[in-house]
N, C-alpha and C. Protein backbone atom coordinates (compact mmCIF):
# COMPACT_ATOMS: atom_id res chain seq x y z
N MET A 1 1.90 13.14 21.58
CA MET A 1 0.98 14.05 22.22
C MET A 1 -0.42 13.36 22.29
N LYS A 2 -0.94 13.34 23.31
CA LYS A 2 -2.34 12.60 23.52
C LYS A 2 -3.46 13.59 23.15
N LYS A 3 -4.48 13.07 22.32
CA LYS A 3 -5.54 13.80 21.72
C LYS A 3 -6.60 13.92 22.84
N LYS A 4 -7.17 15.15 22.94
CA LYS A 4 -8.31 15.40 23.95
C LYS A 4 -9.47 14.52 23.55
N GLN A 5 -10.08 13.99 24.52
CA GLN A 5 -11.37 13.28 24.30
C GLN A 5 -12.49 14.34 24.04
N ARG A 6 -13.14 13.94 23.10
CA ARG A 6 -14.32 14.94 22.78
C ARG A 6 -15.79 14.18 23.26
N TYR A 7 -16.51 15.06 23.67
CA TYR A 7 -17.84 14.68 24.09
C TYR A 7 -18.82 15.23 23.24
N GLU A 8 -19.65 14.41 22.55
CA GLU A 8 -20.63 14.92 21.56
C GLU A 8 -21.83 15.60 22.22
N GLY A 9 -22.00 16.93 21.71
CA GLY A 9 -23.21 17.72 22.19
C GLY A 9 -22.84 18.60 23.41
N ILE A 10 -21.85 18.29 24.20
CA ILE A 10 -21.74 19.02 25.58
C ILE A 10 -20.58 19.85 25.29
N VAL A 11 -20.66 21.12 25.59
CA VAL A 11 -19.55 22.14 25.43
C VAL A 11 -19.04 22.43 26.91
N TYR A 12 -20.09 22.68 27.80
CA TYR A 12 -19.57 23.12 29.14
C TYR A 12 -20.95 22.78 30.13
N SER A 13 -20.66 22.60 31.44
CA SER A 13 -21.58 22.33 32.32
C SER A 13 -21.23 23.05 33.70
N THR A 14 -22.10 23.74 34.30
CA THR A 14 -21.83 24.27 35.44
C THR A 14 -22.24 23.35 36.81
N ASP A 15 -22.78 22.33 36.51
CA ASP A 15 -23.22 21.23 37.54
C ASP A 15 -21.79 20.65 37.98
N GLU A 16 -21.39 20.83 39.15
CA GLU A 16 -20.16 20.11 39.80
C GLU A 16 -20.27 18.55 39.80
N THR A 17 -21.40 18.10 39.82
CA THR A 17 -21.49 16.52 39.79
C THR A 17 -21.80 15.91 38.51
N PHE A 18 -21.83 16.68 37.44
CA PHE A 18 -21.97 16.32 36.22
C PHE A 18 -20.80 15.34 35.54
N ALA A 19 -21.05 14.12 35.23
CA ALA A 19 -20.11 13.37 34.60
C ALA A 19 -20.25 13.14 33.11
N TYR A 20 -19.20 13.49 32.32
CA TYR A 20 -19.25 13.45 30.89
C TYR A 20 -19.41 11.86 30.70
N GLN A 21 -20.34 11.58 29.55
CA GLN A 21 -20.62 10.31 29.15
C GLN A 21 -20.28 10.29 27.83
N GLY A 22 -19.11 9.88 27.23
CA GLY A 22 -18.66 9.72 25.91
C GLY A 22 -19.23 8.71 25.19
N SER A 23 -19.17 8.78 23.79
CA SER A 23 -19.82 7.74 23.03
C SER A 23 -18.93 6.55 23.21
N GLU A 24 -19.60 5.42 23.32
CA GLU A 24 -18.76 4.27 23.33
C GLU A 24 -18.73 3.56 21.96
N ASP A 25 -17.63 3.90 21.28
CA ASP A 25 -17.33 3.37 19.83
C ASP A 25 -16.16 2.17 20.11
N ASP A 26 -16.32 1.54 21.07
CA ASP A 26 -15.42 0.35 21.15
C ASP A 26 -15.38 -0.52 20.06
N ASP A 27 -14.34 -1.18 19.75
CA ASP A 27 -14.25 -2.21 18.65
C ASP A 27 -15.17 -3.31 19.09
N VAL A 28 -15.90 -3.73 18.02
CA VAL A 28 -16.74 -4.93 18.16
C VAL A 28 -15.94 -6.28 18.16
N GLU A 29 -16.48 -7.35 18.71
CA GLU A 29 -15.70 -8.68 18.59
C GLU A 29 -15.52 -8.98 17.17
N THR A 30 -14.34 -9.53 16.76
CA THR A 30 -14.14 -9.91 15.37
C THR A 30 -14.78 -11.28 15.02
N LEU A 31 -15.52 -11.14 13.99
CA LEU A 31 -16.23 -12.35 13.48
C LEU A 31 -15.29 -13.39 12.91
N PRO A 32 -15.50 -14.68 12.87
CA PRO A 32 -14.73 -15.72 12.26
C PRO A 32 -14.49 -15.47 10.75
N ASN A 33 -13.74 -16.00 10.28
CA ASN A 33 -13.35 -15.78 8.68
C ASN A 33 -14.52 -16.02 7.89
N HIS A 34 -15.10 -17.14 8.21
CA HIS A 34 -16.29 -17.69 7.26
C HIS A 34 -17.59 -16.79 7.42
N GLN A 35 -17.59 -15.91 8.46
CA GLN A 35 -18.90 -14.97 8.64
C GLN A 35 -18.61 -13.57 8.31
N GLN A 36 -17.22 -13.31 7.82
CA GLN A 36 -16.99 -11.97 7.29
C GLN A 36 -17.52 -11.88 5.78
N ASN A 37 -18.12 -10.67 5.48
CA ASN A 37 -18.63 -10.37 4.15
C ASN A 37 -17.77 -9.22 3.55
N LEU A 38 -16.69 -9.76 2.91
CA LEU A 38 -15.77 -8.66 2.49
C LEU A 38 -16.03 -8.40 1.02
N ARG A 39 -15.74 -7.09 0.55
CA ARG A 39 -15.79 -6.79 -0.86
C ARG A 39 -14.46 -6.08 -1.27
N VAL A 40 -14.14 -6.69 -2.45
CA VAL A 40 -12.81 -6.29 -3.04
C VAL A 40 -13.11 -5.24 -4.38
N MET A 41 -12.56 -4.27 -4.21
CA MET A 41 -12.78 -3.41 -5.42
C MET A 41 -11.58 -2.50 -5.71
N LEU A 42 -11.62 -2.06 -7.03
CA LEU A 42 -10.58 -1.08 -7.35
C LEU A 42 -11.14 0.44 -7.18
N ASP A 43 -10.18 1.39 -6.89
CA ASP A 43 -10.56 2.79 -6.57
C ASP A 43 -9.54 3.80 -7.31
N ARG A 44 -9.88 4.67 -7.91
CA ARG A 44 -9.09 5.72 -8.36
C ARG A 44 -9.47 7.15 -7.85
N LYS A 45 -10.49 7.25 -7.18
CA LYS A 45 -10.86 8.55 -6.67
C LYS A 45 -10.14 9.11 -5.69
N MET A 46 -9.85 10.42 -5.99
CA MET A 46 -9.10 11.29 -4.69
C MET A 46 -7.73 10.74 -4.67
N ARG A 47 -7.24 9.95 -5.60
CA ARG A 47 -5.78 9.46 -5.39
C ARG A 47 -4.89 9.86 -6.37
N GLY A 48 -5.18 11.00 -7.07
CA GLY A 48 -4.25 11.44 -8.21
C GLY A 48 -4.20 10.63 -9.32
N GLY A 49 -5.20 9.78 -9.59
CA GLY A 49 -5.08 8.86 -10.79
C GLY A 49 -4.45 7.56 -10.38
N LYS A 50 -3.91 7.45 -9.35
CA LYS A 50 -3.22 6.09 -8.98
C LYS A 50 -4.26 5.00 -8.55
N THR A 51 -4.10 3.88 -8.89
CA THR A 51 -5.12 2.73 -8.66
C THR A 51 -4.78 2.21 -7.28
N VAL A 52 -5.76 1.92 -6.47
CA VAL A 52 -5.57 1.18 -5.17
C VAL A 52 -6.71 0.08 -5.18
N THR A 53 -6.39 -0.96 -4.45
CA THR A 53 -7.32 -1.98 -4.09
C THR A 53 -8.03 -1.96 -2.90
N LEU A 54 -9.26 -1.79 -2.64
CA LEU A 54 -9.86 -1.59 -1.42
C LEU A 54 -10.64 -2.84 -1.00
N VAL A 55 -10.42 -3.29 0.33
CA VAL A 55 -11.12 -4.37 0.91
C VAL A 55 -12.05 -3.66 1.96
N THR A 56 -13.33 -3.82 1.81
CA THR A 56 -14.36 -3.27 2.68
C THR A 56 -15.19 -4.34 3.30
N GLY A 57 -15.79 -3.93 4.44
CA GLY A 57 -16.75 -4.80 5.06
C GLY A 57 -16.27 -5.63 6.19
N PHE A 58 -15.18 -5.37 6.69
CA PHE A 58 -14.49 -6.06 7.69
C PHE A 58 -15.25 -5.80 9.17
N THR A 59 -15.62 -6.70 9.86
CA THR A 59 -16.08 -6.53 11.10
C THR A 59 -15.33 -7.08 12.16
N GLY A 60 -14.70 -6.31 13.14
CA GLY A 60 -13.80 -6.68 14.16
C GLY A 60 -13.11 -5.54 14.80
N THR A 61 -12.10 -6.07 15.46
CA THR A 61 -11.23 -4.96 16.14
C THR A 61 -10.36 -4.44 15.19
N SER A 62 -9.85 -3.19 15.58
CA SER A 62 -8.84 -2.65 14.58
C SER A 62 -7.45 -3.36 14.64
N ALA A 63 -7.16 -3.95 15.60
CA ALA A 63 -5.79 -4.86 15.59
C ALA A 63 -6.10 -5.92 14.68
N ASP A 64 -7.07 -6.61 14.76
CA ASP A 64 -7.40 -7.63 13.62
C ASP A 64 -7.44 -7.32 12.27
N LEU A 65 -8.06 -5.99 11.98
CA LEU A 65 -7.86 -5.33 10.63
C LEU A 65 -6.62 -5.00 10.23
N GLU A 66 -5.70 -4.56 11.26
CA GLU A 66 -4.29 -4.30 10.87
C GLU A 66 -3.50 -5.50 10.58
N THR A 67 -3.84 -6.46 11.32
CA THR A 67 -3.13 -7.85 11.16
C THR A 67 -3.46 -8.44 9.58
N LEU A 68 -4.69 -8.28 9.30
CA LEU A 68 -5.19 -8.88 7.96
C LEU A 68 -4.59 -7.86 6.80
N GLY A 69 -4.60 -6.57 7.05
CA GLY A 69 -4.07 -5.76 6.08
C GLY A 69 -2.49 -5.86 5.98
N LYS A 70 -1.67 -6.11 7.05
CA LYS A 70 -0.36 -6.51 6.93
C LYS A 70 -0.10 -7.85 6.15
N ARG A 71 -0.89 -8.79 6.47
CA ARG A 71 -0.69 -10.14 5.80
C ARG A 71 -0.93 -9.98 4.20
N LEU A 72 -1.91 -9.16 3.94
CA LEU A 72 -2.27 -8.81 2.57
C LEU A 72 -1.10 -8.08 1.80
N LYS A 73 -0.62 -7.01 2.53
CA LYS A 73 0.33 -6.22 1.90
C LYS A 73 1.71 -7.07 1.75
N GLN A 74 1.93 -7.93 2.63
CA GLN A 74 3.14 -8.78 2.48
C GLN A 74 3.18 -9.74 1.47
N ARG A 75 1.89 -10.31 1.13
CA ARG A 75 1.61 -11.46 0.14
C ARG A 75 1.65 -10.70 -1.15
N CYS A 76 1.41 -9.53 -1.23
CA CYS A 76 1.27 -8.68 -2.55
C CYS A 76 2.58 -8.08 -2.87
N GLY A 77 3.38 -7.80 -1.79
CA GLY A 77 4.62 -7.19 -1.80
C GLY A 77 4.55 -5.64 -2.17
N VAL A 78 3.36 -5.09 -1.64
CA VAL A 78 3.31 -3.61 -1.91
C VAL A 78 2.97 -3.00 -0.54
N GLY A 79 2.74 -1.53 -0.54
CA GLY A 79 2.40 -0.86 0.70
C GLY A 79 0.84 -0.66 0.70
N GLY A 80 0.40 -0.08 1.68
CA GLY A 80 -0.95 0.20 1.91
C GLY A 80 -1.16 0.53 3.45
N SER A 81 -2.47 0.53 3.73
CA SER A 81 -2.87 0.93 5.13
C SER A 81 -4.22 0.33 5.41
N ALA A 82 -4.43 0.07 6.77
CA ALA A 82 -5.75 -0.39 7.13
C ALA A 82 -6.34 0.57 8.24
N LYS A 83 -7.47 1.22 7.84
CA LYS A 83 -8.04 1.98 8.98
C LYS A 83 -9.49 2.16 8.67
N ALA A 84 -10.24 2.62 9.69
CA ALA A 84 -11.77 3.01 9.47
C ALA A 84 -12.54 1.56 8.70
N GLY A 85 -12.19 0.41 9.12
CA GLY A 85 -12.93 -0.57 8.63
C GLY A 85 -12.55 -1.06 7.15
N GLU A 86 -11.60 -0.39 6.57
CA GLU A 86 -11.19 -0.83 5.15
C GLU A 86 -9.76 -0.92 5.10
N ILE A 87 -9.17 -1.92 4.08
CA ILE A 87 -7.82 -2.05 3.93
C ILE A 87 -7.54 -1.47 2.51
N ILE A 88 -6.48 -0.69 2.35
CA ILE A 88 -6.26 -0.01 1.08
C ILE A 88 -4.74 -0.73 0.88
N ILE A 89 -4.80 -1.30 -0.55
CA ILE A 89 -3.71 -1.95 -0.93
C ILE A 89 -3.21 -1.16 -2.28
N GLN A 90 -1.94 -0.57 -2.38
CA GLN A 90 -1.49 0.19 -3.53
C GLN A 90 -1.20 -0.76 -4.80
N GLY A 91 -2.08 -0.42 -5.73
CA GLY A 91 -1.95 -1.06 -7.12
C GLY A 91 -3.21 -1.89 -7.38
N ASP A 92 -3.27 -2.35 -8.58
CA ASP A 92 -4.32 -3.33 -9.08
C ASP A 92 -4.03 -4.74 -8.76
N PHE A 93 -4.49 -5.28 -7.49
CA PHE A 93 -4.32 -6.67 -7.10
C PHE A 93 -5.70 -7.22 -6.63
N LYS A 94 -6.76 -6.79 -7.38
CA LYS A 94 -8.09 -7.35 -7.09
C LYS A 94 -8.19 -8.67 -7.12
N GLN A 95 -7.76 -9.40 -8.24
CA GLN A 95 -7.98 -10.82 -8.23
C GLN A 95 -7.13 -11.50 -7.32
N ARG A 96 -5.91 -11.04 -7.10
CA ARG A 96 -5.00 -11.77 -6.24
C ARG A 96 -5.45 -11.74 -4.72
N ILE A 97 -5.90 -10.49 -4.38
CA ILE A 97 -6.37 -10.33 -2.95
C ILE A 97 -7.73 -11.16 -2.88
N LEU A 98 -8.53 -11.23 -3.86
CA LEU A 98 -9.75 -12.01 -3.71
C LEU A 98 -9.39 -13.43 -3.52
N GLN A 99 -8.37 -13.90 -4.24
CA GLN A 99 -8.06 -15.23 -4.16
C GLN A 99 -7.32 -15.62 -2.73
N LEU A 100 -6.46 -14.63 -2.26
CA LEU A 100 -6.02 -14.79 -0.96
C LEU A 100 -7.07 -14.96 0.18
N LEU A 101 -8.00 -14.13 0.08
CA LEU A 101 -9.08 -14.07 1.17
C LEU A 101 -9.86 -15.15 1.04
N LEU A 102 -10.24 -15.78 -0.17
CA LEU A 102 -10.86 -16.90 -0.25
C LEU A 102 -10.14 -18.05 0.36
N ASP A 103 -8.73 -18.36 0.07
CA ASP A 103 -7.92 -19.28 0.46
C ASP A 103 -7.89 -19.25 1.99
N ASP A 104 -7.94 -18.09 2.66
CA ASP A 104 -7.89 -17.94 4.25
C ASP A 104 -9.25 -18.34 4.66
N GLY A 105 -10.25 -18.49 3.87
CA GLY A 105 -11.72 -18.93 4.49
C GLY A 105 -12.53 -17.73 4.77
N TYR A 106 -12.29 -16.48 4.02
CA TYR A 106 -13.07 -15.45 4.22
C TYR A 106 -14.25 -15.63 3.22
N ARG A 107 -15.42 -14.93 3.40
CA ARG A 107 -16.32 -14.86 2.28
C ARG A 107 -16.11 -13.46 1.82
N ALA A 108 -15.68 -13.45 0.46
CA ALA A 108 -15.27 -12.38 -0.17
C ALA A 108 -15.87 -12.28 -1.64
N LYS A 109 -16.23 -11.27 -1.96
CA LYS A 109 -16.78 -10.94 -3.44
C LYS A 109 -16.23 -9.66 -3.95
N PRO A 110 -16.15 -9.82 -5.35
CA PRO A 110 -15.63 -8.64 -6.14
C PRO A 110 -16.86 -7.54 -6.17
N ALA A 111 -16.32 -6.38 -5.92
CA ALA A 111 -17.49 -5.27 -6.02
C ALA A 111 -17.13 -4.41 -7.37
N GLY A 112 -18.03 -3.42 -7.64
CA GLY A 112 -17.77 -2.81 -8.72
C GLY A 112 -16.47 -2.11 -8.70
N GLY A 113 -16.02 -1.51 -10.00
CA GLY A 113 -14.85 -0.74 -9.95
C GLY A 113 -13.83 -1.20 -10.98
């Protein structure tokens, strides 16, 4: 089922020539690995006490984010997801993911958590 496209601030217009202008939230071009500023942290909030490893700060297309997320999940042998500019890896893999990102040429730092 296809979602309806929403236009911010406009509910209805009586002007027959009015053209809706949606917000342009297109994905930005993916930065090279050495220009990415990634943060790796642990998180337990709103997860029923379960620990997850978060990778935030990715700048690029959602397809590239999904690809990176898939590669990290495969290398750690766990599940997770990649959406809204962050990658969620199930479990405590902070040090391993940090090393994998550094080996791939990303600029990554550990964050609080």
